Amino acid sequence: MASRRGLFSTAGILFFIAPFLWTRESSGSISFASYYNDHMVLQKAPKSNIIWGYATTVGSTVSVTLSGKPPVTTRVVEGPMAGKATWKVQLSPESDPGPFEISVESNDGNAKIVDVLFGDVWLCSGQSNMQFTLPQVLNAGQEMVDSYNYPDIRVFTVDLKTSDQEEYDLLSVLEHWSVPSNATVGYEPWQYFSAVCWLYGKYLYQHLKYPIGLISSTWGGTPIEAWSSKDVIAKCGGDGIHDEVGKIPDHDLREINVDVSTNQLWNAMIHPLLNLTIYGAIWYQGEANAGEPDKYKCYFPAMIDDWRSKFHDGTMSQTDPQFPFGFVQLAPWRNDPTITTGFPDLRWAQTADVGYVPNAQMPNVFMAVAIDLPDFDSPYGGIHPRDKQDVAERLVLSSLPIAYNVSAGKYQGPFPTAFYIDTGYDTLEIEYDKSSSVLDVRSMDGFEVCCSKNNQSQCNPVDSKWNSVPIVKHDEYTVTLSYKNQCPNMYIVGLRYAWRESPCDFKNCAVYSMENSLPAPPYILIGLIG
């Protein structure tokens, strides 16, 4: 087997000189499907992988060989696409990272791909903050130079396409599987490669030390309905019509021409990938749905379940039916402390109105909280913060226990677990994580209470008056709020934290974990507190 180091360094030079250079050698009329080409990553053992492609002669025998392994044979059949005959095999699980060559032979000709690695394959999807590319981030030049140090990470970008029907192969590929270089991870803004996806893979590789395959399938300005199958829409009792498109500017330099009343991005940009065994997925989306949190509360968990089920079925049960799924809770947007609807409601809906993940409705899900990472001066609009490094680091930290069963200490910010009212002093003490997390309190504001003279009253999250209350005392495990000036001798029937579109300055919200510097997520509690 060829030296991996020599092969990778050569590939890196080739890709720097010619960013669009990719090969998939073939002769005759046999070929691989669109997402199999040189430099790709397949999912490592104990999982196996499906390899498929096209041929001409129905009934003819096709032999597929992974270098050094016995061949696997199959026959050409009429495919699901009209007028196209296909072949498909399932390889045996492979634990050797490679590189390997995969060759295909038949009476219709032969084809091969080289420099194939085995590792973990992650799918990255969402709208513009996931599409946001590495040349656009802070310290972009340094990041792109550093990419040469990670030849075992490979990247692939799906082209922006729509379809009225579920496609079985990609209609177009923007970037075929590539070795990291200045050109392949830093081509042009909004083209490739996704910054969050790349940085997540890079930081994950630093822990795992084996190959990582990253697939970016993103489109700015798109709502969750566009990425969901008809089964998701039906499960949530919706019609798939998204009413908020265009109300939030995406500043992604693209025309938003997706028919959001259909499932067009699911059809064209996710469904074709269902034969690929993946390890997990990460998601950064929600801005386009900020006006419809109640819908999102159903759509998001349903979409996760649907993707899991369909990838499991599409890979002949090789993709885990509960594969790890991570997401980024929406970052700030505008420098206006008075905005309390839209993003705050959507962030809550991203957790199925629980406040944290995993939870009963969202098992094996992890998240990165980004409420404290504003970038109001971003040249791409404040809705697109350039600090994607912190986002990716937080995603990786939260993914390790969920996706890899790696003990990494606390993997999320503090969350309240108990409340104590002192009616004599009109104070509310909040205990976090059952006194298991040492708090880092960085500011004294961010908390609001809803008050009532009647302990049976209900606080309306929208119409009721919310009163800002300061932290007056804190220790290792608790913060104490005083409401004596706002609600003297009254009952607290609602509590919320960081309930703003942009709740704080950069990394200066009120409550963090001392252990890992992760911020406490936003939350809202309705009912008698304490």
Protein backbone atom coordinates (compact mmCIF):
# COMPACT_ATOMS: atom_id res chain seq x y z
CA MET A 1 0.00 0.00 0.00
CA ALA A 2 1.37 3.46 -0.89
CA SER A 3 2.76 5.75 1.76
CA ARG A 4 -0.07 7.92 3.00
CA ARG A 5 2.19 10.86 3.77
CA GLY A 6 3.69 10.99 0.28
CA LEU A 7 0.33 10.56 -1.39
CA PHE A 8 -1.29 13.30 0.69
CA SER A 9 1.47 15.83 0.17
CA THR A 10 1.32 15.30 -3.56
CA ALA A 11 -2.44 15.65 -3.57
CA GLY A 12 -2.17 18.86 -1.57
CA ILE A 13 0.11 20.40 -4.19
CA LEU A 14 -2.13 19.33 -7.04
CA PHE A 15 -5.18 20.84 -5.43
CA PHE A 16 -3.44 24.10 -4.68
CA ILE A 17 -2.48 24.50 -8.32
CA ALA A 18 -5.79 23.34 -9.74
CA PRO A 19 -8.69 23.63 -7.29
CA PHE A 20 -11.17 22.02 -9.66
CA LEU A 21 -8.97 19.00 -10.42
CA TRP A 22 -10.60 15.74 -9.49
CA THR A 23 -10.54 12.35 -11.10
CA ARG A 24 -12.71 9.30 -11.39
CA GLU A 25 -10.97 7.17 -13.98
CA SER A 26 -13.26 5.15 -16.24
CA SER A 27 -13.42 3.56 -19.65
CA GLY A 28 -16.49 2.34 -21.45
CA SER A 29 -19.97 3.05 -20.14
CA ILE A 30 -19.66 2.12 -16.48
CA SER A 31 -19.30 4.79 -13.83
CA PHE A 32 -19.72 5.66 -10.16
CA ALA A 33 -22.59 7.74 -8.79
CA SER A 34 -21.86 11.46 -8.42
CA TYR A 35 -20.46 11.46 -4.89
CA TYR A 36 -17.85 8.73 -5.33
CA ASN A 37 -14.51 10.08 -6.48
CA ASP A 38 -10.83 10.23 -5.59
CA HIS A 39 -9.95 11.40 -2.06
CA MET A 40 -13.32 10.49 -0.55
CA VAL A 41 -13.92 9.18 2.97
CA LEU A 42 -16.16 6.18 3.62
CA GLN A 43 -17.52 5.24 7.04
CA LYS A 44 -15.15 2.98 8.94
CA ALA A 45 -15.91 -0.32 10.68
CA PRO A 46 -18.00 -1.59 12.32
CA LYS A 47 -20.24 -0.02 9.68
CA SER A 48 -20.12 -0.95 6.01
CA ASN A 49 -20.71 1.10 2.88
CA ILE A 50 -22.80 0.93 -0.25
CA ILE A 51 -21.04 1.63 -3.53
CA TRP A 52 -23.18 2.17 -6.59
CA GLY A 53 -23.15 3.61 -10.06
CA TYR A 54 -24.30 3.32 -13.64
CA ALA A 55 -23.87 0.83 -16.47
CA THR A 56 -25.46 0.02 -19.81
CA THR A 57 -26.19 -3.69 -20.07
CA VAL A 58 -28.99 -4.83 -17.77
CA GLY A 59 -28.23 -8.28 -16.38
CA SER A 60 -24.47 -8.07 -16.86
CA THR A 61 -22.12 -8.84 -13.97
CA VAL A 62 -20.23 -6.10 -12.16
CA SER A 63 -17.23 -6.78 -9.94
CA VAL A 64 -16.22 -4.22 -7.31
CA THR A 65 -12.86 -4.52 -5.56
CA LEU A 66 -11.38 -2.65 -2.63
CA SER A 67 -7.61 -2.94 -3.09
CA GLY A 68 -6.25 -6.00 -1.34
CA LYS A 69 -9.72 -7.41 -0.62
CA PRO A 70 -11.83 -10.07 -2.37
CA PRO A 71 -14.13 -8.66 -5.08
CA VAL A 72 -17.86 -8.22 -4.52
CA THR A 73 -20.11 -9.00 -7.48
CA THR A 74 -23.57 -7.89 -8.46
CA ARG A 75 -25.71 -7.49 -11.57
CA VAL A 76 -26.85 -4.44 -13.44
CA VAL A 77 -30.55 -3.72 -12.98
CA GLU A 78 -33.04 -1.14 -14.16
CA GLY A 79 -32.51 1.74 -11.79
CA PRO A 80 -35.03 4.01 -10.06
CA MET A 81 -34.19 6.73 -12.59
CA ALA A 82 -35.91 6.40 -15.94
CA GLY A 83 -33.62 5.16 -18.67
CA LYS A 84 -30.64 4.51 -16.37
CA ALA A 85 -29.39 1.07 -15.41
CA THR A 86 -27.53 0.83 -12.12
CA TRP A 87 -25.36 -1.50 -10.07
CA LYS A 88 -24.93 -1.56 -6.29
CA VAL A 89 -22.81 -3.51 -3.80
CA GLN A 90 -22.23 -3.46 -0.07
CA LEU A 91 -18.58 -3.57 0.95
CA SER A 92 -17.39 -5.41 4.03
CA PRO A 93 -16.59 -3.23 7.06
CA GLU A 94 -13.09 -1.77 6.93
CA SER A 95 -11.05 -0.64 9.94
CA ASP A 96 -7.82 0.21 8.08
CA PRO A 97 -7.90 3.96 7.34
CA GLY A 98 -6.22 3.41 3.98
CA PRO A 99 -5.64 4.83 1.44
CA PHE A 100 -7.43 2.37 -0.84
CA GLU A 101 -8.39 2.06 -4.47
CA ILE A 102 -11.88 0.96 -5.46
CA SER A 103 -12.16 -0.55 -8.92
CA VAL A 104 -15.22 -1.61 -10.90
CA GLU A 105 -15.13 -4.01 -13.83
CA SER A 106 -17.81 -5.33 -16.18
CA ASN A 107 -18.44 -6.03 -19.84
CA ASP A 108 -19.46 -2.36 -20.11
CA GLY A 109 -15.95 -1.24 -19.13
CA ASN A 110 -14.14 -0.36 -15.94
CA ALA A 111 -13.76 2.52 -13.50
CA LYS A 112 -11.78 3.27 -10.38
CA ILE A 113 -11.27 5.83 -7.66
CA VAL A 114 -8.10 6.20 -5.59
CA ASP A 115 -6.92 7.64 -2.29
CA VAL A 116 -10.09 6.49 -0.51
CA LEU A 117 -9.94 6.68 3.28
CA PHE A 118 -12.08 5.11 6.00
CA GLY A 119 -13.10 7.21 8.99
CA ASP A 120 -16.20 9.06 10.19
CA VAL A 121 -18.49 10.85 7.73
CA TRP A 122 -20.42 13.91 8.93
CA LEU A 123 -23.15 15.72 7.02
CA CYS A 124 -23.39 19.51 7.52
CA SER A 125 -26.58 21.31 6.50
CA GLY A 126 -28.69 24.40 7.05
CA GLN A 127 -28.93 27.93 5.78
CA SER A 128 -26.44 30.78 5.39
CA ASN A 129 -24.58 30.51 8.70
CA MET A 130 -23.68 26.95 7.72
CA GLN A 131 -23.04 27.98 4.11
CA PHE A 132 -20.78 30.82 5.39
CA THR A 133 -17.33 29.90 4.12
CA LEU A 134 -13.86 29.78 5.63
CA PRO A 135 -12.54 32.87 3.75
CA GLN A 136 -15.21 34.91 5.57
CA VAL A 137 -14.30 34.04 9.17
CA LEU A 138 -12.05 35.91 11.56
CA ASN A 139 -8.39 34.98 11.00
CA ALA A 140 -9.33 33.44 7.65
CA GLY A 141 -5.81 33.53 6.23
CA GLN A 142 -4.37 31.63 9.17
CA GLU A 143 -7.20 29.09 9.04
CA MET A 144 -6.65 28.36 5.35
CA VAL A 145 -2.90 27.94 5.76
CA ASP A 146 -3.55 25.63 8.71
CA SER A 147 -5.79 23.43 6.53
CA TYR A 148 -2.69 21.85 4.97
CA ASN A 149 -1.98 20.24 8.35
CA TYR A 150 -5.11 18.08 8.09
CA PRO A 151 -4.74 15.85 5.00
CA ASP A 152 -6.85 13.15 6.68
CA ILE A 153 -9.90 15.43 6.56
CA ARG A 154 -11.69 15.45 3.20
CA VAL A 155 -14.39 17.87 2.02
CA PHE A 156 -17.30 17.65 -0.42
CA THR A 157 -19.85 20.34 -1.33
CA VAL A 158 -23.29 19.69 -2.81
CA ASP A 159 -24.37 22.21 -5.45
CA LEU A 160 -27.42 24.41 -4.92
CA LYS A 161 -30.23 22.63 -6.74
CA THR A 162 -33.97 22.18 -6.31
CA SER A 163 -36.32 19.46 -7.48
CA ASP A 164 -40.04 18.75 -7.38
CA GLN A 165 -39.34 15.05 -6.88
CA GLU A 166 -37.00 12.97 -4.75
CA GLU A 167 -33.75 12.53 -6.69
CA TYR A 168 -31.62 9.40 -6.40
CA ASP A 169 -28.36 11.05 -7.38
CA LEU A 170 -27.11 14.60 -7.05
CA LEU A 171 -28.07 16.84 -9.94
CA SER A 172 -24.78 18.69 -9.61
CA VAL A 173 -21.69 18.77 -7.40
CA LEU A 174 -20.08 22.09 -6.50
CA GLU A 175 -16.91 20.59 -5.04
CA HIS A 176 -15.96 16.95 -5.41
CA TRP A 177 -14.10 15.20 -2.61
CA SER A 178 -10.92 17.18 -2.02
CA VAL A 179 -7.82 17.21 0.15
CA PRO A 180 -7.67 20.37 2.30
CA SER A 181 -5.74 23.27 0.83
CA ASN A 182 -5.94 27.01 0.44
CA ALA A 183 -8.10 26.46 -2.63
CA THR A 184 -10.35 23.61 -1.57
CA VAL A 185 -11.44 24.97 1.81
CA GLY A 186 -11.09 28.65 0.93
CA TYR A 187 -12.26 29.09 -2.63
CA GLU A 188 -14.69 32.04 -2.67
CA PRO A 189 -17.20 33.48 -0.19
CA TRP A 190 -20.50 31.57 -0.19
CA GLN A 191 -19.02 28.88 -2.48
CA TYR A 192 -16.88 26.45 -0.47
CA PHE A 193 -16.06 25.31 2.04
CA SER A 194 -18.49 25.72 4.97
CA ALA A 195 -16.57 27.28 7.86
CA VAL A 196 -18.59 25.67 10.66
CA CYS A 197 -18.39 22.30 8.93
CA TRP A 198 -14.63 22.55 8.35
CA LEU A 199 -13.82 23.82 11.83
CA TYR A 200 -16.04 21.19 13.44
CA GLY A 201 -14.20 18.49 11.50
CA LYS A 202 -10.81 20.01 12.32
CA TYR A 203 -11.44 20.22 16.07
CA LEU A 204 -13.03 16.77 16.07
CA TYR A 205 -10.00 15.34 14.28
CA GLN A 206 -7.76 16.74 17.02
CA HIS A 207 -9.57 14.40 19.43
CA LEU A 208 -10.06 11.36 17.19
CA LYS A 209 -6.83 11.30 15.13
CA TYR A 210 -8.36 9.37 12.24
CA PRO A 211 -9.93 10.39 8.89
CA ILE A 212 -12.98 12.64 8.81
CA GLY A 213 -15.22 13.13 5.77
CA LEU A 214 -17.26 16.34 5.66
CA ILE A 215 -20.24 16.83 3.33
CA SER A 216 -21.65 20.36 3.06
CA SER A 217 -25.22 20.63 1.77
CA THR A 218 -26.45 24.16 2.50
CA TRP A 219 -28.45 27.05 1.05
CA GLY A 220 -28.76 30.53 2.56
CA GLY A 221 -32.16 31.98 3.39
CA THR A 222 -33.98 28.65 3.38
CA PRO A 223 -36.56 27.49 5.94
CA ILE A 224 -36.65 24.08 7.57
CA GLU A 225 -39.63 23.08 5.42
CA ALA A 226 -37.39 23.07 2.34
CA TRP A 227 -35.06 20.52 3.98
CA SER A 228 -37.87 18.26 5.20
CA SER A 229 -39.59 15.39 3.45
CA LYS A 230 -43.33 15.28 2.94
CA ASP A 231 -43.49 12.82 5.83
CA VAL A 232 -42.20 15.51 8.21
CA ILE A 233 -44.74 18.07 7.04
CA ALA A 234 -47.54 15.52 7.36
CA LYS A 235 -46.44 14.48 10.85
CA CYS A 236 -46.68 18.07 12.04
CA GLY A 237 -50.04 18.64 10.40
CA GLY A 238 -48.66 21.36 8.16
CA ASP A 239 -49.05 22.20 4.51
CA GLY A 240 -45.37 22.95 3.97
CA ILE A 241 -46.10 26.60 3.25
CA HIS A 242 -43.62 28.92 4.90
CA ASP A 243 -45.04 32.38 5.45
CA GLU A 244 -41.96 34.22 6.67
CA VAL A 245 -39.60 33.92 3.70
CA GLY A 246 -38.09 37.26 2.78
CA LYS A 247 -38.95 38.96 6.09
CA ILE A 248 -35.47 38.37 7.48
CA PRO A 249 -32.72 39.51 5.09
CA ASP A 250 -30.06 36.88 4.63
CA HIS A 251 -27.38 39.05 3.01
CA ASP A 252 -25.96 35.95 1.36
CA LEU A 253 -25.44 37.57 -2.03
CA ARG A 254 -27.83 35.11 -3.63
CA GLU A 255 -31.32 35.23 -5.02
CA ILE A 256 -33.61 33.19 -2.80
CA ASN A 257 -35.66 31.38 -5.41
CA VAL A 258 -36.52 28.18 -3.56
CA ASP A 259 -40.18 27.17 -3.73
CA VAL A 260 -40.60 26.82 0.01
CA SER A 261 -44.08 25.36 -0.31
CA THR A 262 -42.45 22.11 -1.37
CA ASN A 263 -39.63 19.91 -0.09
CA GLN A 264 -37.27 20.91 -2.86
CA LEU A 265 -33.96 20.89 -0.99
CA TRP A 266 -34.75 17.60 0.68
CA ASN A 267 -35.50 16.24 -2.78
CA ALA A 268 -32.36 17.53 -4.51
CA MET A 269 -29.71 17.97 -1.81
CA ILE A 270 -30.40 15.40 0.95
CA HIS A 271 -32.39 12.50 -0.53
CA PRO A 272 -29.65 11.70 -3.09
CA LEU A 273 -27.22 11.09 -0.21
CA LEU A 274 -29.29 8.43 1.54
CA ASN A 275 -27.12 5.58 0.22
CA LEU A 276 -24.06 7.05 1.96
CA THR A 277 -23.32 5.65 5.41
CA ILE A 278 -22.80 8.61 7.72
CA TYR A 279 -21.73 8.85 11.34
CA GLY A 280 -23.68 11.98 12.23
CA ALA A 281 -24.94 15.40 11.17
CA ILE A 282 -24.67 19.01 12.29
CA TRP A 283 -27.19 21.75 11.51
CA TYR A 284 -27.17 25.55 11.60
CA GLN A 285 -30.55 26.93 10.58
CA GLY A 286 -33.56 28.72 12.01
CA GLU A 287 -33.23 32.38 11.12
CA ALA A 288 -35.71 31.94 8.27
CA ASN A 289 -38.22 30.36 10.68
CA ALA A 290 -37.87 32.92 13.47
CA GLY A 291 -41.46 34.08 13.03
CA GLU A 292 -42.91 30.58 13.41
CA PRO A 293 -41.50 28.99 16.58
CA ASP A 294 -44.55 26.81 17.20
CA LYS A 295 -44.15 25.16 13.81
CA TYR A 296 -40.41 24.77 14.34
CA LYS A 297 -40.99 23.05 17.67
CA CYS A 298 -42.58 20.20 15.74
CA TYR A 299 -40.68 20.35 12.46
CA PHE A 300 -37.17 20.21 13.93
CA PRO A 301 -37.44 17.03 16.05
CA ALA A 302 -39.55 15.44 13.29
CA MET A 303 -36.93 16.26 10.66
CA ILE A 304 -34.16 14.79 12.80
CA ASP A 305 -36.16 11.58 13.30
CA ASP A 306 -36.97 11.43 9.59
CA TRP A 307 -33.38 11.90 8.44
CA ARG A 308 -32.24 9.23 10.88
CA SER A 309 -34.83 6.74 9.70
CA LYS A 310 -34.26 7.35 6.00
CA PHE A 311 -30.45 7.24 6.18
CA HIS A 312 -30.75 4.00 8.16
CA ASP A 313 -33.01 2.48 5.50
CA GLY A 314 -31.03 3.89 2.57
CA THR A 315 -27.77 2.36 3.77
CA MET A 316 -29.21 -1.09 4.44
CA SER A 317 -29.26 -0.44 8.21
CA GLN A 318 -25.61 0.68 8.35
CA THR A 319 -26.25 4.28 9.42
CA ASP A 320 -27.26 4.32 13.07
CA PRO A 321 -31.04 4.86 13.39
CA GLN A 322 -30.23 7.25 16.25
CA PHE A 323 -27.12 8.82 14.74
CA PRO A 324 -25.81 11.86 16.66
CA PHE A 325 -27.27 15.15 15.50
CA GLY A 326 -25.87 18.51 16.58
CA PHE A 327 -27.08 22.04 16.00
CA VAL A 328 -26.16 25.63 16.69
CA GLN A 329 -28.62 27.64 18.74
CA LEU A 330 -29.16 30.94 16.93
CA ALA A 331 -26.50 33.60 17.44
CA PRO A 332 -27.37 37.29 17.96
CA TRP A 333 -28.31 39.57 15.09
CA ARG A 334 -29.05 43.28 15.69
CA ASN A 335 -27.59 45.56 18.34
CA ASP A 336 -30.98 46.34 19.84
CA PRO A 337 -31.61 45.20 23.44
CA THR A 338 -35.36 45.76 23.16
CA ILE A 339 -36.08 42.90 20.73
CA THR A 340 -37.61 40.02 22.71
CA THR A 341 -39.44 38.06 20.00
CA GLY A 342 -38.31 36.10 16.97
CA PHE A 343 -34.87 34.67 17.73
CA PRO A 344 -35.52 34.09 21.48
CA ASP A 345 -38.68 32.11 20.71
CA LEU A 346 -36.93 30.15 17.97
CA ARG A 347 -34.00 29.26 20.24
CA TRP A 348 -36.47 27.80 22.74
CA ALA A 349 -38.22 25.88 19.95
CA GLN A 350 -34.85 24.49 18.81
CA THR A 351 -34.83 22.51 22.07
CA ALA A 352 -38.51 21.50 21.77
CA ASP A 353 -39.31 24.03 24.53
CA VAL A 354 -37.11 22.22 27.04
CA GLY A 355 -34.07 24.49 27.10
CA TYR A 356 -31.39 21.83 26.76
CA VAL A 357 -30.56 18.71 24.77
CA PRO A 358 -30.57 15.79 24.72
CA ASN A 359 -34.11 15.49 26.03
CA ALA A 360 -37.01 13.06 25.66
CA GLN A 361 -38.13 14.54 22.34
CA MET A 362 -34.60 14.96 21.02
CA PRO A 363 -32.47 11.97 22.07
CA ASN A 364 -28.81 11.78 21.07
CA VAL A 365 -28.86 15.46 20.10
CA PHE A 366 -26.22 18.01 21.10
CA MET A 367 -25.98 21.78 20.65
CA ALA A 368 -23.71 24.78 20.74
CA VAL A 369 -25.09 27.86 22.49
CA ALA A 370 -24.09 31.02 20.58
CA ILE A 371 -26.15 33.76 22.26
CA ASP A 372 -22.99 35.50 23.52
CA LEU A 373 -21.18 35.73 20.17
CA PRO A 374 -22.49 38.90 18.51
CA ASP A 375 -20.70 40.50 15.56
CA PHE A 376 -22.69 43.64 14.86
CA ASP A 377 -19.98 44.99 12.54
CA SER A 378 -19.79 41.92 10.33
CA PRO A 379 -19.46 43.00 6.67
CA TYR A 380 -21.89 40.19 5.88
CA GLY A 381 -24.54 41.61 8.19
CA GLY A 382 -24.89 41.12 11.93
CA ILE A 383 -26.96 38.01 11.25
CA HIS A 384 -23.72 36.38 10.07
CA PRO A 385 -21.14 36.53 12.90
CA ARG A 386 -17.61 35.83 11.71
CA ASP A 387 -16.51 33.97 14.83
CA LYS A 388 -17.22 30.42 13.73
CA GLN A 389 -14.29 29.02 15.72
CA ASP A 390 -16.07 29.31 19.07
CA VAL A 391 -19.23 27.86 17.53
CA ALA A 392 -17.34 24.82 16.23
CA GLU A 393 -15.39 24.32 19.46
CA ARG A 394 -18.61 24.33 21.45
CA LEU A 395 -20.20 21.89 19.02
CA VAL A 396 -17.28 19.49 19.36
CA LEU A 397 -17.22 19.76 23.15
CA SER A 398 -20.91 18.92 23.30
CA SER A 399 -20.59 16.15 20.71
CA LEU A 400 -17.88 14.10 22.40
CA PRO A 401 -20.06 12.59 25.18
CA ILE A 402 -23.10 12.23 22.92
CA ALA A 403 -21.51 11.03 19.68
CA TYR A 404 -18.42 9.25 20.99
CA ASN A 405 -19.15 8.40 24.63
CA VAL A 406 -16.02 10.31 25.58
CA SER A 407 -15.96 11.76 29.07
CA ALA A 408 -15.15 15.41 28.52
CA GLY A 409 -16.47 16.80 31.79
CA LYS A 410 -19.38 19.19 31.52
CA TYR A 411 -20.43 19.42 27.89
CA GLN A 412 -23.01 22.17 28.16
CA GLY A 413 -23.51 25.39 30.08
CA PRO A 414 -25.22 25.54 33.49
CA PHE A 415 -28.98 25.00 33.64
CA PRO A 416 -31.28 25.83 36.60
CA THR A 417 -32.54 22.92 38.66
CA ALA A 418 -34.05 24.51 41.79
CA PHE A 419 -35.57 27.83 42.89
CA TYR A 420 -35.93 29.30 46.37
CA ILE A 421 -38.04 32.36 47.22
CA ASP A 422 -37.29 34.48 50.29
CA THR A 423 -40.49 36.48 50.82
CA GLY A 424 -38.90 38.50 53.61
CA TYR A 425 -36.32 40.01 51.29
CA ASP A 426 -38.11 39.56 47.95
CA THR A 427 -35.26 37.52 46.51
CA LEU A 428 -35.12 34.51 44.23
CA GLU A 429 -32.19 32.11 44.52
CA ILE A 430 -31.51 29.94 41.46
CA GLU A 431 -29.50 26.76 41.86
CA TYR A 432 -27.75 25.34 38.79
CA ASP A 433 -27.09 21.71 37.88
CA LYS A 434 -27.99 20.45 41.36
CA SER A 435 -24.88 22.22 42.70
CA SER A 436 -22.58 20.16 40.51
CA SER A 437 -21.31 23.04 38.33
CA VAL A 438 -19.17 25.90 39.57
CA LEU A 439 -20.50 29.12 38.08
CA ASP A 440 -18.62 31.93 36.42
CA VAL A 441 -20.81 35.03 36.79
CA ARG A 442 -19.68 37.72 34.34
CA SER A 443 -22.48 40.29 34.52
CA MET A 444 -25.36 41.10 36.85
CA ASP A 445 -28.23 41.32 34.37
CA GLY A 446 -30.10 39.20 31.87
CA PHE A 447 -32.85 37.92 34.17
CA GLU A 448 -36.51 38.95 34.06
CA VAL A 449 -39.52 38.00 36.17
CA CYS A 450 -43.25 38.15 35.66
CA CYS A 451 -45.11 39.15 38.84
CA SER A 452 -48.62 38.77 40.22
CA LYS A 453 -50.49 39.58 43.40
CA ASN A 454 -52.27 36.24 43.00
CA ASN A 455 -50.34 32.98 43.14
CA GLN A 456 -52.87 31.42 40.79
CA SER A 457 -52.24 33.92 38.01
CA GLN A 458 -50.71 32.83 34.74
CA CYS A 459 -47.97 34.79 33.03
CA ASN A 460 -48.56 35.24 29.33
CA PRO A 461 -45.13 34.93 27.64
CA VAL A 462 -46.04 37.57 25.05
CA ASP A 463 -48.44 40.07 26.61
CA SER A 464 -47.46 40.10 30.28
CA LYS A 465 -45.02 42.63 31.65
CA TRP A 466 -41.52 41.31 32.22
CA ASN A 467 -39.37 43.09 34.78
CA SER A 468 -35.58 43.10 34.66
CA VAL A 469 -34.11 42.02 37.98
CA PRO A 470 -30.42 42.16 38.96
CA ILE A 471 -28.16 39.57 40.49
CA VAL A 472 -27.42 40.79 44.01
CA LYS A 473 -25.44 37.80 45.24
CA HIS A 474 -23.84 34.68 43.84
CA ASP A 475 -21.68 31.82 45.00
CA GLU A 476 -20.22 28.70 43.42
CA TYR A 477 -23.56 27.11 42.57
CA THR A 478 -26.27 29.77 42.83
CA VAL A 479 -27.25 33.27 41.80
CA THR A 480 -29.68 35.38 43.82
CA LEU A 481 -32.00 37.90 42.19
CA SER A 482 -33.72 40.79 43.93
CA TYR A 483 -37.20 41.80 42.84
CA LYS A 484 -38.08 44.09 45.74
CA ASN A 485 -38.03 47.22 43.57
CA GLN A 486 -40.02 45.69 40.71
CA CYS A 487 -42.49 43.35 42.44
CA PRO A 488 -42.56 44.02 46.20
CA ASN A 489 -44.61 41.49 48.15
CA MET A 490 -45.74 39.79 44.94
CA TYR A 491 -45.60 36.26 43.56
CA ILE A 492 -43.16 35.32 40.80
CA VAL A 493 -45.17 33.50 38.12
CA GLY A 494 -42.62 33.63 35.32
CA LEU A 495 -38.85 33.69 34.91
CA ARG A 496 -36.72 34.06 31.82
CA TYR A 497 -33.02 34.43 31.09
CA ALA A 498 -31.17 35.93 28.10
CA TRP A 499 -34.50 36.39 26.35
CA ARG A 500 -33.28 38.89 23.79
CA GLU A 501 -32.35 38.67 20.13
CA SER A 502 -28.92 39.91 21.21
CA PRO A 503 -28.76 39.42 24.98
CA CYS A 504 -25.20 40.50 25.81
CA ASP A 505 -21.83 41.74 24.64
CA PHE A 506 -19.25 39.29 23.32
CA LYS A 507 -18.79 36.47 25.85
CA ASN A 508 -20.33 38.62 28.56
CA CYS A 509 -23.70 37.12 29.38
CA ALA A 510 -24.40 36.58 33.06
CA VAL A 511 -23.85 32.89 33.73
CA TYR A 512 -21.12 30.54 32.46
CA SER A 513 -19.53 27.33 33.59
CA MET A 514 -16.20 27.84 35.33
CA GLU A 515 -15.08 24.42 34.09
CA ASN A 516 -15.51 24.88 30.35
CA SER A 517 -16.50 28.56 29.84
CA LEU A 518 -19.74 27.51 28.15
CA PRO A 519 -22.65 29.94 28.54
CA ALA A 520 -25.89 29.02 30.22
CA PRO A 521 -28.56 28.60 27.53
CA PRO A 522 -31.57 30.92 27.42
CA TYR A 523 -34.73 29.68 29.10
CA ILE A 524 -38.27 30.70 30.01
CA LEU A 525 -40.38 29.21 32.82
CA ILE A 526 -44.08 29.94 33.14
CA GLY A 527 -45.87 29.20 36.42
CA LEU A 528 -45.39 29.84 40.10
CA ILE A 529 -41.65 29.95 40.79
CA GLY A 530 -40.28 28.62 44.05
